[in-house]
PDB file of N, CA and C in Angstrom:
ATOM      1  N   MET A   1       0.819  -1.281  -0.050  1.00  0.00           N
ATOM      2  CA  MET A   1      -0.064  -0.141  -0.046  1.00  0.00           C
ATOM      3  C   MET A   1       0.867   1.321  -0.053  1.00  0.00           C
ATOM      4  N   SER A   2       0.553   2.159  -0.879  1.00  0.00           N
ATOM      5  CA  SER A   2       1.427   3.497  -0.966  1.00  0.00           C
ATOM      6  C   SER A   2       1.126   4.326   0.172  1.00  0.00           C
ATOM      7  N   THR A   3       2.011   5.395   0.330  1.00  0.00           N
ATOM      8  CA  THR A   3       1.624   6.296   1.404  1.00  0.00           C
ATOM      9  C   THR A   3       0.456   7.058   1.121  1.00  0.00           C
ATOM     10  N   TYR A   4       0.061   7.395  -0.109  1.00  0.00           N
ATOM     11  CA  TYR A   4      -1.121   8.037  -0.553  1.00  0.00           C
ATOM     12  C   TYR A   4      -2.306   7.332  -0.084  1.00  0.00           C
ATOM     13  N   GLU A   5      -2.388   5.951  -0.289  1.00  0.00           N
ATOM     14  CA  GLU A   5      -3.294   5.085   0.051  1.00  0.00           C
ATOM     15  C   GLU A   5      -3.522   4.965   1.610  1.00  0.00           C
ATOM     16  N   GLU A   6      -2.400   5.048   2.273  1.00  0.00           N
ATOM     17  CA  GLU A   6      -2.549   4.996   3.723  1.00  0.00           C
ATOM     18  C   GLU A   6      -3.179   6.242   4.268  1.00  0.00           C
ATOM     19  N   LEU A   7      -2.822   7.295   3.568  1.00  0.00           N
ATOM     20  CA  LEU A   7      -3.395   8.634   3.988  1.00  0.00           C
ATOM     21  C   LEU A   7      -4.986   8.690   3.653  1.00  0.00           C
ATOM     22  N   GLN A   8      -5.235   8.101   2.594  1.00  0.00           N
ATOM     23  CA  GLN A   8      -6.746   8.073   2.273  1.00  0.00           C
ATOM     24  C   GLN A   8      -7.527   7.092   3.200  1.00  0.00           C
ATOM     25  N   ASP A   9      -6.889   6.046   3.704  1.00  0.00           N
ATOM     26  CA  ASP A   9      -7.451   5.224   4.660  1.00  0.00           C
ATOM     27  C   ASP A   9      -7.574   5.897   6.062  1.00  0.00           C
ATOM     28  N   GLN A  10      -6.567   6.725   6.408  1.00  0.00           N
ATOM     29  CA  GLN A  10      -6.806   7.408   7.699  1.00  0.00           C
ATOM     30  C   GLN A  10      -7.593   8.496   7.669  1.00  0.00           C
ATOM     31  N   THR A  11      -7.787   9.269   6.591  1.00  0.00           N
ATOM     32  CA  THR A  11      -8.753  10.255   6.517  1.00  0.00           C
ATOM     33  C   THR A  11     -10.227   9.752   6.464  1.00  0.00           C
ATOM     34  N   CYS A  12     -10.322   8.585   5.747  1.00  0.00           N
ATOM     35  CA  CYS A  12     -11.653   8.019   5.669  1.00  0.00           C
ATOM     36  C   CYS A  12     -12.129   7.519   7.177  1.00  0.00           C
ATOM     37  N   ALA A  13     -11.152   6.955   8.017  1.00  0.00           N
ATOM     38  CA  ALA A  13     -11.359   6.602   9.353  1.00  0.00           C
ATOM     39  C   ALA A  13     -11.719   7.803  10.244  1.00  0.00           C
ATOM     40  N   ASP A  14     -11.240   9.060   9.842  1.00  0.00           N
ATOM     41  CA  ASP A  14     -11.564  10.183  10.578  1.00  0.00           C
ATOM     42  C   ASP A  14     -12.850  10.875  10.033  1.00  0.00           C
ATOM     43  N   GLY A  15     -13.563  10.254   9.090  1.00  0.00           N
ATOM     44  CA  GLY A  15     -14.790  10.860   8.478  1.00  0.00           C
ATOM     45  C   GLY A  15     -14.616  11.831   7.483  1.00  0.00           C
ATOM     46  N   ILE A  16     -13.330  11.997   6.798  1.00  0.00           N
ATOM     47  CA  ILE A  16     -13.038  13.006   5.792  1.00  0.00           C
ATOM     48  C   ILE A  16     -13.068  12.214   4.537  1.00  0.00           C
ATOM     49  N   ASP A  17     -13.752  12.731   3.327  1.00  0.00           N
ATOM     50  CA  ASP A  17     -13.704  12.142   2.083  1.00  0.00           C
ATOM     51  C   ASP A  17     -12.593  12.867   1.348  1.00  0.00           C
ATOM     52  N   VAL A  18     -11.885  12.053   0.604  1.00  0.00           N
ATOM     53  CA  VAL A  18     -10.758  12.484  -0.321  1.00  0.00           C
ATOM     54  C   VAL A  18     -11.170  12.193  -1.813  1.00  0.00           C
ATOM     55  N   MET A  19     -11.089  13.204  -2.737  1.00  0.00           N
ATOM     56  CA  MET A  19     -11.395  13.122  -4.083  1.00  0.00           C
ATOM     57  C   MET A  19     -10.348  13.673  -4.937  1.00  0.00           C
ATOM     58  N   ASP A  20      -9.972  13.121  -6.090  1.00  0.00           N
ATOM     59  CA  ASP A  20      -9.155  13.588  -6.993  1.00  0.00           C
ATOM     60  C   ASP A  20      -9.977  14.262  -7.978  1.00  0.00           C
ATOM     61  N   TYR A  21      -9.437  15.437  -8.420  1.00  0.00           N
ATOM     62  CA  TYR A  21     -10.162  16.329  -9.450  1.00  0.00           C
ATOM     63  C   TYR A  21      -9.232  16.986 -10.364  1.00  0.00           C
ATOM     64  N   LYS A  22      -9.753  17.280 -11.578  1.00  0.00           N
ATOM     65  CA  LYS A  22      -8.950  18.001 -12.626  1.00  0.00           C
ATOM     66  C   LYS A  22      -9.441  19.393 -12.548  1.00  0.00           C
ATOM     67  N   PHE A  23      -8.516  20.296 -11.768  1.00  0.00           N
ATOM     68  CA  PHE A  23      -8.944  21.675 -11.679  1.00  0.00           C
ATOM     69  C   PHE A  23      -8.504  22.463 -12.995  1.00  0.00           C
ATOM     70  N   ASN A  24      -9.260  23.394 -13.338  1.00  0.00           N
ATOM     71  CA  ASN A  24      -8.865  24.040 -14.571  1.00  0.00           C
ATOM     72  C   ASN A  24      -7.600  25.033 -14.349  1.00  0.00           C
ATOM     73  N   SER A  25      -7.246  25.246 -13.292  1.00  0.00           N
ATOM     74  CA  SER A  25      -6.015  26.197 -13.013  1.00  0.00           C
ATOM     75  C   SER A  25      -5.041  25.231 -12.317  1.00  0.00           C
ATOM     76  N   PRO A  26      -3.773  25.315 -12.854  1.00  0.00           N
ATOM     77  CA  PRO A  26      -2.736  24.610 -12.277  1.00  0.00           C
ATOM     78  C   PRO A  26      -2.126  25.175 -10.945  1.00  0.00           C
ATOM     79  N   ASN A  27      -2.640  26.315 -10.533  1.00  0.00           N
ATOM     80  CA  ASN A  27      -2.369  26.942  -9.291  1.00  0.00           C
ATOM     81  C   ASN A  27      -2.996  26.265  -8.182  1.00  0.00           C
ATOM     82  N   ILE A  28      -4.221  25.614  -8.319  1.00  0.00           N
ATOM     83  CA  ILE A  28      -4.858  25.092  -7.346  1.00  0.00           C
ATOM     84  C   ILE A  28      -4.460  23.705  -7.128  1.00  0.00           C
ATOM     85  N   LYS A  29      -3.807  23.464  -5.851  1.00  0.00           N
ATOM     86  CA  LYS A  29      -3.264  22.144  -5.537  1.00  0.00           C
ATOM     87  C   LYS A  29      -4.369  21.277  -4.782  1.00  0.00           C
ATOM     88  N   GLY A  30      -5.219  21.890  -4.049  1.00  0.00           N
ATOM     89  CA  GLY A  30      -6.292  21.062  -3.512  1.00  0.00           C
ATOM     90  C   GLY A  30      -7.248  22.215  -2.705  1.00  0.00           C
ATOM     91  N   LEU A  31      -8.307  21.568  -2.336  1.00  0.00           N
ATOM     92  CA  LEU A  31      -9.360  22.377  -1.607  1.00  0.00           C
ATOM     93  C   LEU A  31      -9.971  21.605  -0.411  1.00  0.00           C
ATOM     94  N   TYR A  32     -10.368  22.146   0.670  1.00  0.00           N
ATOM     95  CA  TYR A  32     -10.963  21.592   1.770  1.00  0.00           C
ATOM     96  C   TYR A  32     -12.333  22.276   2.107  1.00  0.00           C
ATOM     97  N   CYS A  33     -13.310  21.368   2.285  1.00  0.00           N
ATOM     98  CA  CYS A  33     -14.651  22.135   2.695  1.00  0.00           C
ATOM     99  C   CYS A  33     -15.592  20.994   3.104  1.00  0.00           C
ATOM    100  N   ASN A  34     -16.197  21.301   4.343  1.00  0.00           N
ATOM    101  CA  ASN A  34     -17.206  20.410   4.805  1.00  0.00           C
ATOM    102  C   ASN A  34     -16.808  18.884   4.858  1.00  0.00           C
ATOM    103  N   SER A  35     -15.603  18.681   5.483  1.00  0.00           N
ATOM    104  CA  SER A  35     -15.042  17.264   5.563  1.00  0.00           C
ATOM    105  C   SER A  35     -14.837  16.628   4.267  1.00  0.00           C
ATOM    106  N   THR A  36     -14.440  17.372   3.238  1.00  0.00           N
ATOM    107  CA  THR A  36     -14.162  16.859   1.948  1.00  0.00           C
ATOM    108  C   THR A  36     -12.781  17.512   1.400  1.00  0.00           C
ATOM    109  N   VAL A  37     -11.809  16.608   1.217  1.00  0.00           N
ATOM    110  CA  VAL A  37     -10.563  17.166   0.556  1.00  0.00           C
ATOM    111  C   VAL A  37     -10.510  16.896  -0.889  1.00  0.00           C
ATOM    112  N   THR A  38     -10.162  17.852  -1.752  1.00  0.00           N
ATOM    113  CA  THR A  38     -10.203  17.509  -3.071  1.00  0.00           C
ATOM    114  C   THR A  38      -8.756  17.973  -3.557  1.00  0.00           C
ATOM    115  N   ILE A  39      -8.122  16.932  -4.208  1.00  0.00           N
ATOM    116  CA  ILE A  39      -6.608  17.108  -4.587  1.00  0.00           C
ATOM    117  C   ILE A  39      -6.606  17.177  -6.124  1.00  0.00           C
ATOM    118  N   ASN A  40      -5.703  18.144  -6.477  1.00  0.00           N
ATOM    119  CA  ASN A  40      -5.536  18.210  -8.067  1.00  0.00           C
ATOM    120  C   ASN A  40      -4.937  16.895  -8.653  1.00  0.00           C
ATOM    121  N   LYS A  41      -5.508  16.271  -9.547  1.00  0.00           N
ATOM    122  CA  LYS A  41      -4.972  15.219 -10.183  1.00  0.00           C
ATOM    123  C   LYS A  41      -3.565  15.398 -10.870  1.00  0.00           C
ATOM    124  N   SER A  42      -3.206  16.527 -11.220  1.00  0.00           N
ATOM    125  CA  SER A  42      -1.910  16.692 -11.868  1.00  0.00           C
ATOM    126  C   SER A  42      -0.736  16.758 -10.888  1.00  0.00           C
ATOM    127  N   ILE A  43      -0.859  16.697  -9.626  1.00  0.00           N
ATOM    128  CA  ILE A  43       0.296  16.704  -8.653  1.00  0.00           C
ATOM    129  C   ILE A  43       0.511  15.287  -8.197  1.00  0.00           C
TER     130      ILE A  43
END
């Protein structure tokens, strides 16, 4: 299991959803709102 997968498991256990998303701007690395983390697919 990769470090990224381990982090996803931990956040899920803490009640936080993690999503990969293709943002239109390369400047956005990720966002957090209402117990959801969205990470830019390009990083």
